[in-house]
Amino acid sequence: MIYKPLPDECTIKQSEIHGLGLFATTNIEENHDFGITHIKHPDFMHGYIRTPLGGFFNHSVIPNCKVYEDGNCLRLVSIKKIKAGTEITAKYTLYNPEKNGAK
């Protein structure tokens, strides 16, 4: 299997929110799990290693995704349908992620 830093359904582009952002390349359904954004590790700043996925979604007070804790990882899941071309955002809560909140 070839390593892919991002899932097929998203790409990185210039963001109107801040710098670069994560954007949907296809229409995405509610409760879609994009994957791991951060991995807990005590030797890193704030106790997490950030993955490429975690490095590019931007904060929004009206997000279309959320970050939730799943064991030793944080994951990104959509909380509503997202149209292709739309920026993927979450209320950035690295220091207080939901626990097992994908349901």
PDB file of N, CA and C in Angstrom:
ATOM      1  N   MET A   1       0.839  -1.178   0.000  1.00  0.00           N
ATOM      2  CA  MET A   1       0.000   0.000   0.000  1.00  0.00           C
ATOM      3  C   MET A   1       0.889   1.248   0.000  1.00  0.00           C
ATOM      4  N   ILE A   2       0.568   2.218  -0.809  1.00  0.00           N
ATOM      5  CA  ILE A   2       1.308   3.460  -0.908  1.00  0.00           C
ATOM      6  C   ILE A   2       0.810   4.437   0.150  1.00  0.00           C
ATOM      7  N   TYR A   3       1.757   5.078   0.843  1.00  0.00           N
ATOM      8  CA  TYR A   3       1.388   6.084   1.843  1.00  0.00           C
ATOM      9  C   TYR A   3       0.819   7.313   1.145  1.00  0.00           C
ATOM     10  N   LYS A   4      -0.310   7.774   1.629  1.00  0.00           N
ATOM     11  CA  LYS A   4      -0.931   8.997   1.121  1.00  0.00           C
ATOM     12  C   LYS A   4      -1.126   9.932   2.302  1.00  0.00           C
ATOM     13  N   PRO A   5      -0.531  11.120   2.271  1.00  0.00           N
ATOM     14  CA  PRO A   5      -0.636  12.020   3.420  1.00  0.00           C
ATOM     15  C   PRO A   5      -2.041  12.565   3.662  1.00  0.00           C
ATOM     16  N   LEU A   6      -2.865  12.608   2.602  1.00  0.00           N
ATOM     17  CA  LEU A   6      -4.247  13.078   2.727  1.00  0.00           C
ATOM     18  C   LEU A   6      -5.190  12.064   2.104  1.00  0.00           C
ATOM     19  N   PRO A   7      -6.412  11.975   2.618  1.00  0.00           N
ATOM     20  CA  PRO A   7      -7.404  11.115   1.968  1.00  0.00           C
ATOM     21  C   PRO A   7      -7.753  11.667   0.581  1.00  0.00           C
ATOM     22  N   ASP A   8      -8.207  10.802  -0.319  1.00  0.00           N
ATOM     23  CA  ASP A   8      -8.543  11.199  -1.691  1.00  0.00           C
ATOM     24  C   ASP A   8      -9.591  12.299  -1.756  1.00  0.00           C
ATOM     25  N   GLU A   9     -10.458  12.388  -0.759  1.00  0.00           N
ATOM     26  CA  GLU A   9     -11.578  13.337  -0.815  1.00  0.00           C
ATOM     27  C   GLU A   9     -11.212  14.750  -0.380  1.00  0.00           C
ATOM     28  N   CYS A  10      -9.922  15.019  -0.192  1.00  0.00           N
ATOM     29  CA  CYS A  10      -9.536  16.387   0.135  1.00  0.00           C
ATOM     30  C   CYS A  10      -8.178  16.746  -0.457  1.00  0.00           C
ATOM     31  N   THR A  11      -7.958  18.050  -0.572  1.00  0.00           N
ATOM     32  CA  THR A  11      -6.712  18.589  -1.095  1.00  0.00           C
ATOM     33  C   THR A  11      -6.393  19.883  -0.365  1.00  0.00           C
ATOM     34  N   ILE A  12      -5.194  20.378  -0.557  1.00  0.00           N
ATOM     35  CA  ILE A  12      -4.759  21.617   0.081  1.00  0.00           C
ATOM     36  C   ILE A  12      -4.765  22.726  -0.964  1.00  0.00           C
ATOM     37  N   LYS A  13      -5.386  23.865  -0.594  1.00  0.00           N
ATOM     38  CA  LYS A  13      -5.436  25.034  -1.484  1.00  0.00           C
ATOM     39  C   LYS A  13      -5.340  26.303  -0.642  1.00  0.00           C
ATOM     40  N   GLN A  14      -5.198  27.417  -1.322  1.00  0.00           N
ATOM     41  CA  GLN A  14      -5.203  28.719  -0.648  1.00  0.00           C
ATOM     42  C   GLN A  14      -6.558  28.930   0.029  1.00  0.00           C
ATOM     43  N   SER A  15      -6.536  29.383   1.276  1.00  0.00           N
ATOM     44  CA  SER A  15      -7.744  29.575   2.070  1.00  0.00           C
ATOM     45  C   SER A  15      -8.065  31.049   2.246  1.00  0.00           C
ATOM     46  N   GLU A  16      -9.334  31.394   2.243  1.00  0.00           N
ATOM     47  CA  GLU A  16      -9.753  32.753   2.576  1.00  0.00           C
ATOM     48  C   GLU A  16      -9.756  32.952   4.088  1.00  0.00           C
ATOM     49  N   ILE A  17      -9.703  31.868   4.853  1.00  0.00           N
ATOM     50  CA  ILE A  17      -9.694  31.955   6.317  1.00  0.00           C
ATOM     51  C   ILE A  17      -8.293  32.282   6.818  1.00  0.00           C
ATOM     52  N   HIS A  18      -7.310  31.450   6.386  1.00  0.00           N
ATOM     53  CA  HIS A  18      -5.937  31.650   6.842  1.00  0.00           C
ATOM     54  C   HIS A  18      -4.989  30.776   6.029  1.00  0.00           C
ATOM     55  N   GLY A  19      -4.057  31.381   5.335  1.00  0.00           N
ATOM     56  CA  GLY A  19      -2.999  30.638   4.643  1.00  0.00           C
ATOM     57  C   GLY A  19      -3.525  29.558   3.723  1.00  0.00           C
ATOM     58  N   LEU A  20      -3.079  28.336   3.972  1.00  0.00           N
ATOM     59  CA  LEU A  20      -3.558  27.184   3.219  1.00  0.00           C
ATOM     60  C   LEU A  20      -4.642  26.479   4.023  1.00  0.00           C
ATOM     61  N   GLY A  21      -5.544  25.816   3.335  1.00  0.00           N
ATOM     62  CA  GLY A  21      -6.622  25.096   3.998  1.00  0.00           C
ATOM     63  C   GLY A  21      -6.894  23.777   3.316  1.00  0.00           C
ATOM     64  N   LEU A  22      -7.738  22.992   3.933  1.00  0.00           N
ATOM     65  CA  LEU A  22      -8.146  21.689   3.426  1.00  0.00           C
ATOM     66  C   LEU A  22      -9.484  21.859   2.718  1.00  0.00           C
ATOM     67  N   PHE A  23      -9.604  21.323   1.501  1.00  0.00           N
ATOM     68  CA  PHE A  23     -10.820  21.481   0.700  1.00  0.00           C
ATOM     69  C   PHE A  23     -11.315  20.136   0.200  1.00  0.00           C
ATOM     70  N   ALA A  24     -12.639  19.990   0.140  1.00  0.00           N
ATOM     71  CA  ALA A  24     -13.261  18.768  -0.357  1.00  0.00           C
ATOM     72  C   ALA A  24     -13.088  18.678  -1.873  1.00  0.00           C
ATOM     73  N   THR A  25     -12.669  17.517  -2.364  1.00  0.00           N
ATOM     74  CA  THR A  25     -12.544  17.291  -3.803  1.00  0.00           C
ATOM     75  C   THR A  25     -13.780  16.598  -4.361  1.00  0.00           C
ATOM     76  N   THR A  26     -14.600  16.050  -3.471  1.00  0.00           N
ATOM     77  CA  THR A  26     -15.854  15.396  -3.845  1.00  0.00           C
ATOM     78  C   THR A  26     -16.924  15.818  -2.859  1.00  0.00           C
ATOM     79  N   ASN A  27     -18.167  15.518  -3.137  1.00  0.00           N
ATOM     80  CA  ASN A  27     -19.234  15.742  -2.153  1.00  0.00           C
ATOM     81  C   ASN A  27     -19.034  14.734  -1.029  1.00  0.00           C
ATOM     82  N   ILE A  28     -19.163  15.201   0.198  1.00  0.00           N
ATOM     83  CA  ILE A  28     -18.901  14.369   1.376  1.00  0.00           C
ATOM     84  C   ILE A  28     -20.152  14.326   2.238  1.00  0.00           C
ATOM     85  N   GLU A  29     -20.500  13.150   2.675  1.00  0.00           N
ATOM     86  CA  GLU A  29     -21.679  12.945   3.512  1.00  0.00           C
ATOM     87  C   GLU A  29     -21.382  13.277   4.982  1.00  0.00           C
ATOM     88  N   GLU A  30     -22.425  13.526   5.735  1.00  0.00           N
ATOM     89  CA  GLU A  30     -22.315  13.720   7.177  1.00  0.00           C
ATOM     90  C   GLU A  30     -21.749  12.452   7.810  1.00  0.00           C
ATOM     91  N   ASN A  31     -20.966  12.599   8.867  1.00  0.00           N
ATOM     92  CA  ASN A  31     -20.326  11.507   9.611  1.00  0.00           C
ATOM     93  C   ASN A  31     -19.215  10.810   8.840  1.00  0.00           C
ATOM     94  N   HIS A  32     -18.667  11.479   7.843  1.00  0.00           N
ATOM     95  CA  HIS A  32     -17.521  10.920   7.115  1.00  0.00           C
ATOM     96  C   HIS A  32     -16.268  11.113   7.956  1.00  0.00           C
ATOM     97  N   ASP A  33     -15.537  10.038   8.194  1.00  0.00           N
ATOM     98  CA  ASP A  33     -14.308  10.091   8.976  1.00  0.00           C
ATOM     99  C   ASP A  33     -13.134  10.288   8.020  1.00  0.00           C
ATOM    100  N   PHE A  34     -12.496  11.460   8.090  1.00  0.00           N
ATOM    101  CA  PHE A  34     -11.361  11.769   7.224  1.00  0.00           C
ATOM    102  C   PHE A  34     -10.095  11.044   7.671  1.00  0.00           C
ATOM    103  N   GLY A  35      -9.997  10.766   8.967  1.00  0.00           N
ATOM    104  CA  GLY A  35      -8.823  10.068   9.487  1.00  0.00           C
ATOM    105  C   GLY A  35      -8.188  10.784  10.656  1.00  0.00           C
ATOM    106  N   ILE A  36      -6.952  10.387  10.941  1.00  0.00           N
ATOM    107  CA  ILE A  36      -6.209  10.865  12.107  1.00  0.00           C
ATOM    108  C   ILE A  36      -5.584  12.230  11.838  1.00  0.00           C
ATOM    109  N   THR A  37      -5.826  13.162  12.742  1.00  0.00           N
ATOM    110  CA  THR A  37      -5.239  14.501  12.633  1.00  0.00           C
ATOM    111  C   THR A  37      -4.044  14.689  13.568  1.00  0.00           C
ATOM    112  N   HIS A  38      -4.063  14.020  14.711  1.00  0.00           N
ATOM    113  CA  HIS A  38      -3.008  14.150  15.705  1.00  0.00           C
ATOM    114  C   HIS A  38      -2.840  12.804  16.421  1.00  0.00           C
ATOM    115  N   ILE A  39      -1.600  12.541  16.854  1.00  0.00           N
ATOM    116  CA  ILE A  39      -1.296  11.331  17.620  1.00  0.00           C
ATOM    117  C   ILE A  39      -0.644  11.785  18.926  1.00  0.00           C
ATOM    118  N   LYS A  40      -1.159  11.289  20.042  1.00  0.00           N
ATOM    119  CA  LYS A  40      -0.597  11.671  21.343  1.00  0.00           C
ATOM    120  C   LYS A  40       0.837  11.153  21.468  1.00  0.00           C
ATOM    121  N   HIS A  41       1.717  12.044  21.925  1.00  0.00           N
ATOM    122  CA  HIS A  41       3.107  11.669  22.187  1.00  0.00           C
ATOM    123  C   HIS A  41       3.701  12.717  23.126  1.00  0.00           C
ATOM    124  N   PRO A  42       4.180  12.295  24.288  1.00  0.00           N
ATOM    125  CA  PRO A  42       4.625  13.250  25.305  1.00  0.00           C
ATOM    126  C   PRO A  42       5.840  14.087  24.923  1.00  0.00           C
ATOM    127  N   ASP A  43       6.618  13.668  23.928  1.00  0.00           N
ATOM    128  CA  ASP A  43       7.834  14.394  23.571  1.00  0.00           C
ATOM    129  C   ASP A  43       7.594  15.552  22.619  1.00  0.00           C
ATOM    130  N   PHE A  44       6.351  15.775  22.192  1.00  0.00           N
ATOM    131  CA  PHE A  44       6.059  16.831  21.233  1.00  0.00           C
ATOM    132  C   PHE A  44       5.292  17.971  21.876  1.00  0.00           C
ATOM    133  N   MET A  45       5.392  19.152  21.247  1.00  0.00           N
ATOM    134  CA  MET A  45       4.706  20.339  21.746  1.00  0.00           C
ATOM    135  C   MET A  45       3.222  20.045  21.948  1.00  0.00           C
ATOM    136  N   HIS A  46       2.698  20.416  23.063  1.00  0.00           N
ATOM    137  CA  HIS A  46       1.291  20.221  23.428  1.00  0.00           C
ATOM    138  C   HIS A  46       0.915  18.741  23.520  1.00  0.00           C
ATOM    139  N   GLY A  47       1.899  17.832  23.455  1.00  0.00           N
ATOM    140  CA  GLY A  47       1.640  16.405  23.636  1.00  0.00           C
ATOM    141  C   GLY A  47       1.098  15.680  22.422  1.00  0.00           C
ATOM    142  N   TYR A  48       1.219  16.280  21.234  1.00  0.00           N
ATOM    143  CA  TYR A  48       0.693  15.656  20.024  1.00  0.00           C
ATOM    144  C   TYR A  48       1.652  15.782  18.851  1.00  0.00           C
ATOM    145  N   ILE A  49       1.658  14.773  17.994  1.00  0.00           N
ATOM    146  CA  ILE A  49       2.286  14.825  16.682  1.00  0.00           C
ATOM    147  C   ILE A  49       1.161  15.138  15.705  1.00  0.00           C
ATOM    148  N   ARG A  50       1.326  16.157  14.908  1.00  0.00           N
ATOM    149  CA  ARG A  50       0.299  16.548  13.938  1.00  0.00           C
ATOM    150  C   ARG A  50       0.552  15.842  12.611  1.00  0.00           C
ATOM    151  N   THR A  51      -0.479  15.239  12.044  1.00  0.00           N
ATOM    152  CA  THR A  51      -0.377  14.598  10.735  1.00  0.00           C
ATOM    153  C   THR A  51      -0.610  15.648   9.642  1.00  0.00           C
ATOM    154  N   PRO A  52      -0.343  15.331   8.372  1.00  0.00           N
ATOM    155  CA  PRO A  52      -0.657  16.292   7.304  1.00  0.00           C
ATOM    156  C   PRO A  52      -2.128  16.717   7.328  1.00  0.00           C
ATOM    157  N   LEU A  53      -3.024  15.790   7.605  1.00  0.00           N
ATOM    158  CA  LEU A  53      -4.448  16.117   7.691  1.00  0.00           C
ATOM    159  C   LEU A  53      -4.690  17.148   8.790  1.00  0.00           C
ATOM    160  N   GLY A  54      -4.059  16.973   9.926  1.00  0.00           N
ATOM    161  CA  GLY A  54      -4.224  17.891  11.050  1.00  0.00           C
ATOM    162  C   GLY A  54      -3.555  19.234  10.848  1.00  0.00           C
ATOM    163  N   GLY A  55      -2.623  19.290   9.930  1.00  0.00           N
ATOM    164  CA  GLY A  55      -1.887  20.518   9.710  1.00  0.00           C
ATOM    165  C   GLY A  55      -2.573  21.532   8.824  1.00  0.00           C
ATOM    166  N   PHE A  56      -3.667  21.135   8.154  1.00  0.00           N
ATOM    167  CA  PHE A  56      -4.217  22.037   7.153  1.00  0.00           C
ATOM    168  C   PHE A  56      -5.695  22.396   7.297  1.00  0.00           C
ATOM    169  N   PHE A  57      -6.435  21.768   8.212  1.00  0.00           N
ATOM    170  CA  PHE A  57      -7.819  22.241   8.361  1.00  0.00           C
ATOM    171  C   PHE A  57      -7.787  23.500   9.213  1.00  0.00           C
ATOM    172  N   ASN A  58      -8.631  24.451   8.865  1.00  0.00           N
ATOM    173  CA  ASN A  58      -8.685  25.725   9.576  1.00  0.00           C
ATOM    174  C   ASN A  58      -9.841  25.767  10.568  1.00  0.00           C
ATOM    175  N   HIS A  59      -9.705  26.668  11.525  1.00  0.00           N
ATOM    176  CA  HIS A  59     -10.729  26.886  12.551  1.00  0.00           C
ATOM    177  C   HIS A  59     -11.906  27.670  11.982  1.00  0.00           C
ATOM    178  N   SER A  60     -13.096  27.340  12.443  1.00  0.00           N
ATOM    179  CA  SER A  60     -14.299  28.112  12.136  1.00  0.00           C
ATOM    180  C   SER A  60     -15.248  28.029  13.321  1.00  0.00           C
ATOM    181  N   VAL A  61     -15.963  29.120  13.591  1.00  0.00           N
ATOM    182  CA  VAL A  61     -16.987  29.093  14.631  1.00  0.00           C
ATOM    183  C   VAL A  61     -18.271  28.448  14.085  1.00  0.00           C
ATOM    184  N   ILE A  62     -18.350  28.290  12.765  1.00  0.00           N
ATOM    185  CA  ILE A  62     -19.456  27.571  12.119  1.00  0.00           C
ATOM    186  C   ILE A  62     -18.831  26.463  11.273  1.00  0.00           C
ATOM    187  N   PRO A  63     -18.297  25.410  11.921  1.00  0.00           N
ATOM    188  CA  PRO A  63     -17.547  24.377  11.218  1.00  0.00           C
ATOM    189  C   PRO A  63     -18.437  23.373  10.482  1.00  0.00           C
ATOM    190  N   ASN A  64     -17.818  22.623   9.565  1.00  0.00           N
ATOM    191  CA  ASN A  64     -18.518  21.515   8.919  1.00  0.00           C
ATOM    192  C   ASN A  64     -17.956  20.167   9.377  1.00  0.00           C
ATOM    193  N   CYS A  65     -16.977  20.220  10.289  1.00  0.00           N
ATOM    194  CA  CYS A  65     -16.386  19.012  10.865  1.00  0.00           C
ATOM    195  C   CYS A  65     -16.119  19.226  12.346  1.00  0.00           C
ATOM    196  N   LYS A  66     -15.762  18.142  13.012  1.00  0.00           N
ATOM    197  CA  LYS A  66     -15.312  18.239  14.397  1.00  0.00           C
ATOM    198  C   LYS A  66     -14.130  17.297  14.585  1.00  0.00           C
ATOM    199  N   VAL A  67     -13.332  17.602  15.588  1.00  0.00           N
ATOM    200  CA  VAL A  67     -12.212  16.755  15.979  1.00  0.00           C
ATOM    201  C   VAL A  67     -12.640  16.016  17.237  1.00  0.00           C
ATOM    202  N   TYR A  68     -12.398  14.714  17.259  1.00  0.00           N
ATOM    203  CA  TYR A  68     -12.747  13.950  18.454  1.00  0.00           C
ATOM    204  C   TYR A  68     -11.616  13.021  18.838  1.00  0.00           C
ATOM    205  N   GLU A  69     -11.550  12.699  20.123  1.00  0.00           N
ATOM    206  CA  GLU A  69     -10.515  11.826  20.650  1.00  0.00           C
ATOM    207  C   GLU A  69     -10.935  10.377  20.474  1.00  0.00           C
ATOM    208  N   ASP A  70     -10.003   9.574  19.969  1.00  0.00           N
ATOM    209  CA  ASP A  70     -10.233   8.141  19.752  1.00  0.00           C
ATOM    210  C   ASP A  70      -8.986   7.402  20.231  1.00  0.00           C
ATOM    211  N   GLY A  71      -8.968   7.038  21.487  1.00  0.00           N
ATOM    212  CA  GLY A  71      -7.789   6.401  22.056  1.00  0.00           C
ATOM    213  C   GLY A  71      -6.635   7.388  22.115  1.00  0.00           C
ATOM    214  N   ASN A  72      -5.508   7.040  21.494  1.00  0.00           N
ATOM    215  CA  ASN A  72      -4.330   7.907  21.487  1.00  0.00           C
ATOM    216  C   ASN A  72      -4.282   8.827  20.274  1.00  0.00           C
ATOM    217  N   CYS A  73      -5.388   8.942  19.583  1.00  0.00           N
ATOM    218  CA  CYS A  73      -5.431   9.769  18.368  1.00  0.00           C
ATOM    219  C   CYS A  73      -6.578  10.770  18.420  1.00  0.00           C
ATOM    220  N   LEU A  74      -6.443  11.825  17.631  1.00  0.00           N
ATOM    221  CA  LEU A  74      -7.549  12.735  17.358  1.00  0.00           C
ATOM    222  C   LEU A  74      -7.934  12.513  15.908  1.00  0.00           C
ATOM    223  N   ARG A  75      -9.226  12.493  15.618  1.00  0.00           N
ATOM    224  CA  ARG A  75      -9.730  12.232  14.277  1.00  0.00           C
ATOM    225  C   ARG A  75     -10.638  13.374  13.833  1.00  0.00           C
ATOM    226  N   LEU A  76     -10.780  13.534  12.524  1.00  0.00           N
ATOM    227  CA  LEU A  76     -11.628  14.569  11.935  1.00  0.00           C
ATOM    228  C   LEU A  76     -12.817  13.903  11.265  1.00  0.00           C
ATOM    229  N   VAL A  77     -14.034  14.333  11.622  1.00  0.00           N
ATOM    230  CA  VAL A  77     -15.252  13.757  11.053  1.00  0.00           C
ATOM    231  C   VAL A  77     -16.199  14.888  10.661  1.00  0.00           C
ATOM    232  N   SER A  78     -16.892  14.712   9.533  1.00  0.00           N
ATOM    233  CA  SER A  78     -17.836  15.745   9.090  1.00  0.00           C
ATOM    234  C   SER A  78     -19.089  15.715   9.954  1.00  0.00           C
ATOM    235  N   ILE A  79     -19.633  16.904  10.225  1.00  0.00           N
ATOM    236  CA  ILE A  79     -20.851  16.998  11.026  1.00  0.00           C
ATOM    237  C   ILE A  79     -22.039  17.424  10.168  1.00  0.00           C
ATOM    238  N   LYS A  80     -21.786  17.609   8.870  1.00  0.00           N
ATOM    239  CA  LYS A  80     -22.837  17.925   7.909  1.00  0.00           C
ATOM    240  C   LYS A  80     -22.318  17.574   6.522  1.00  0.00           C
ATOM    241  N   LYS A  81     -23.197  17.601   5.530  1.00  0.00           N
ATOM    242  CA  LYS A  81     -22.764  17.369   4.161  1.00  0.00           C
ATOM    243  C   LYS A  81     -21.853  18.508   3.728  1.00  0.00           C
ATOM    244  N   ILE A  82     -20.827  18.166   2.950  1.00  0.00           N
ATOM    245  CA  ILE A  82     -19.864  19.151   2.453  1.00  0.00           C
ATOM    246  C   ILE A  82     -19.806  19.017   0.936  1.00  0.00           C
ATOM    247  N   LYS A  83     -20.019  20.109   0.235  1.00  0.00           N
ATOM    248  CA  LYS A  83     -19.967  20.095  -1.228  1.00  0.00           C
ATOM    249  C   LYS A  83     -18.524  20.161  -1.713  1.00  0.00           C
ATOM    250  N   ALA A  84     -18.261  19.526  -2.837  1.00  0.00           N
ATOM    251  CA  ALA A  84     -16.942  19.587  -3.460  1.00  0.00           C
ATOM    252  C   ALA A  84     -16.532  21.047  -3.629  1.00  0.00           C
ATOM    253  N   GLY A  85     -15.286  21.356  -3.319  1.00  0.00           N
ATOM    254  CA  GLY A  85     -14.778  22.720  -3.437  1.00  0.00           C
ATOM    255  C   GLY A  85     -14.875  23.533  -2.162  1.00  0.00           C
ATOM    256  N   THR A  86     -15.617  23.037  -1.163  1.00  0.00           N
ATOM    257  CA  THR A  86     -15.812  23.743   0.105  1.00  0.00           C
ATOM    258  C   THR A  86     -14.627  23.492   1.036  1.00  0.00           C
ATOM    259  N   GLU A  87     -14.231  24.529   1.773  1.00  0.00           N
ATOM    260  CA  GLU A  87     -13.160  24.348   2.743  1.00  0.00           C
ATOM    261  C   GLU A  87     -13.666  23.512   3.923  1.00  0.00           C
ATOM    262  N   ILE A  88     -12.830  22.592   4.353  1.00  0.00           N
ATOM    263  CA  ILE A  88     -13.120  21.718   5.481  1.00  0.00           C
ATOM    264  C   ILE A  88     -12.614  22.417   6.738  1.00  0.00           C
ATOM    265  N   THR A  89     -13.513  22.674   7.687  1.00  0.00           N
ATOM    266  CA  THR A  89     -13.166  23.424   8.889  1.00  0.00           C
ATOM    267  C   THR A  89     -13.672  22.710  10.139  1.00  0.00           C
ATOM    268  N   ALA A  90     -13.076  23.049  11.257  1.00  0.00           N
ATOM    269  CA  ALA A  90     -13.520  22.519  12.548  1.00  0.00           C
ATOM    270  C   ALA A  90     -13.301  23.604  13.592  1.00  0.00           C
ATOM    271  N   LYS A  91     -14.057  23.535  14.652  1.00  0.00           N
ATOM    272  CA  LYS A  91     -13.802  24.402  15.799  1.00  0.00           C
ATOM    273  C   LYS A  91     -12.563  23.825  16.454  1.00  0.00           C
ATOM    274  N   TYR A  92     -11.469  24.538  16.381  1.00  0.00           N
ATOM    275  CA  TYR A  92     -10.189  23.981  16.798  1.00  0.00           C
ATOM    276  C   TYR A  92     -10.145  23.836  18.305  1.00  0.00           C
ATOM    277  N   THR A  93     -10.141  22.589  18.767  1.00  0.00           N
ATOM    278  CA  THR A  93     -10.180  22.312  20.201  1.00  0.00           C
ATOM    279  C   THR A  93      -9.094  21.310  20.578  1.00  0.00           C
ATOM    280  N   LEU A  94      -7.887  21.529  20.092  1.00  0.00           N
ATOM    281  CA  LEU A  94      -6.795  20.596  20.364  1.00  0.00           C
ATOM    282  C   LEU A  94      -6.654  20.299  21.848  1.00  0.00           C
ATOM    283  N   TYR A  95      -6.900  21.289  22.674  1.00  0.00           N
ATOM    284  CA  TYR A  95      -6.693  21.096  24.100  1.00  0.00           C
ATOM    285  C   TYR A  95      -7.925  20.539  24.805  1.00  0.00           C
ATOM    286  N   ASN A  96      -9.025  20.337  24.092  1.00  0.00           N
ATOM    287  CA  ASN A  96     -10.237  19.805  24.681  1.00  0.00           C
ATOM    288  C   ASN A  96     -11.077  19.092  23.617  1.00  0.00           C
ATOM    289  N   PRO A  97     -10.523  18.065  22.947  1.00  0.00           N
ATOM    290  CA  PRO A  97     -11.292  17.366  21.908  1.00  0.00           C
ATOM    291  C   PRO A  97     -12.411  16.544  22.524  1.00  0.00           C
ATOM    292  N   GLU A  98     -13.449  16.303  21.747  1.00  0.00           N
ATOM    293  CA  GLU A  98     -14.525  15.425  22.205  1.00  0.00           C
ATOM    294  C   GLU A  98     -13.962  14.029  22.338  1.00  0.00           C
ATOM    295  N   LYS A  99     -14.468  13.269  23.292  1.00  0.00           N
ATOM    296  CA  LYS A  99     -14.016  11.890  23.474  1.00  0.00           C
ATOM    297  C   LYS A  99     -14.964  10.959  22.722  1.00  0.00           C
ATOM    298  N   ASN A 100     -14.378  10.199  21.794  1.00  0.00           N
ATOM    299  CA  ASN A 100     -15.140   9.224  21.007  1.00  0.00           C
ATOM    300  C   ASN A 100     -16.432   9.843  20.469  1.00  0.00           C
ATOM    301  N   GLY A 101     -16.354  11.040  19.922  1.00  0.00           N
ATOM    302  CA  GLY A 101     -17.527  11.805  19.520  1.00  0.00           C
ATOM    303  C   GLY A 101     -17.974  11.624  18.087  1.00  0.00           C
ATOM    304  N   ALA A 102     -17.579  10.555  17.425  1.00  0.00           N
ATOM    305  CA  ALA A 102     -17.931  10.399  16.010  1.00  0.00           C
ATOM    306  C   ALA A 102     -19.375   9.978  15.809  1.00  0.00           C
ATOM    307  N   LYS A 103     -20.011   9.539  16.830  1.00  0.00           N
ATOM    308  CA  LYS A 103     -21.375   8.997  16.679  1.00  0.00           C
ATOM    309  C   LYS A 103     -22.382  10.081  16.363  1.00  0.00           C
TER     310      LYS A 103
END
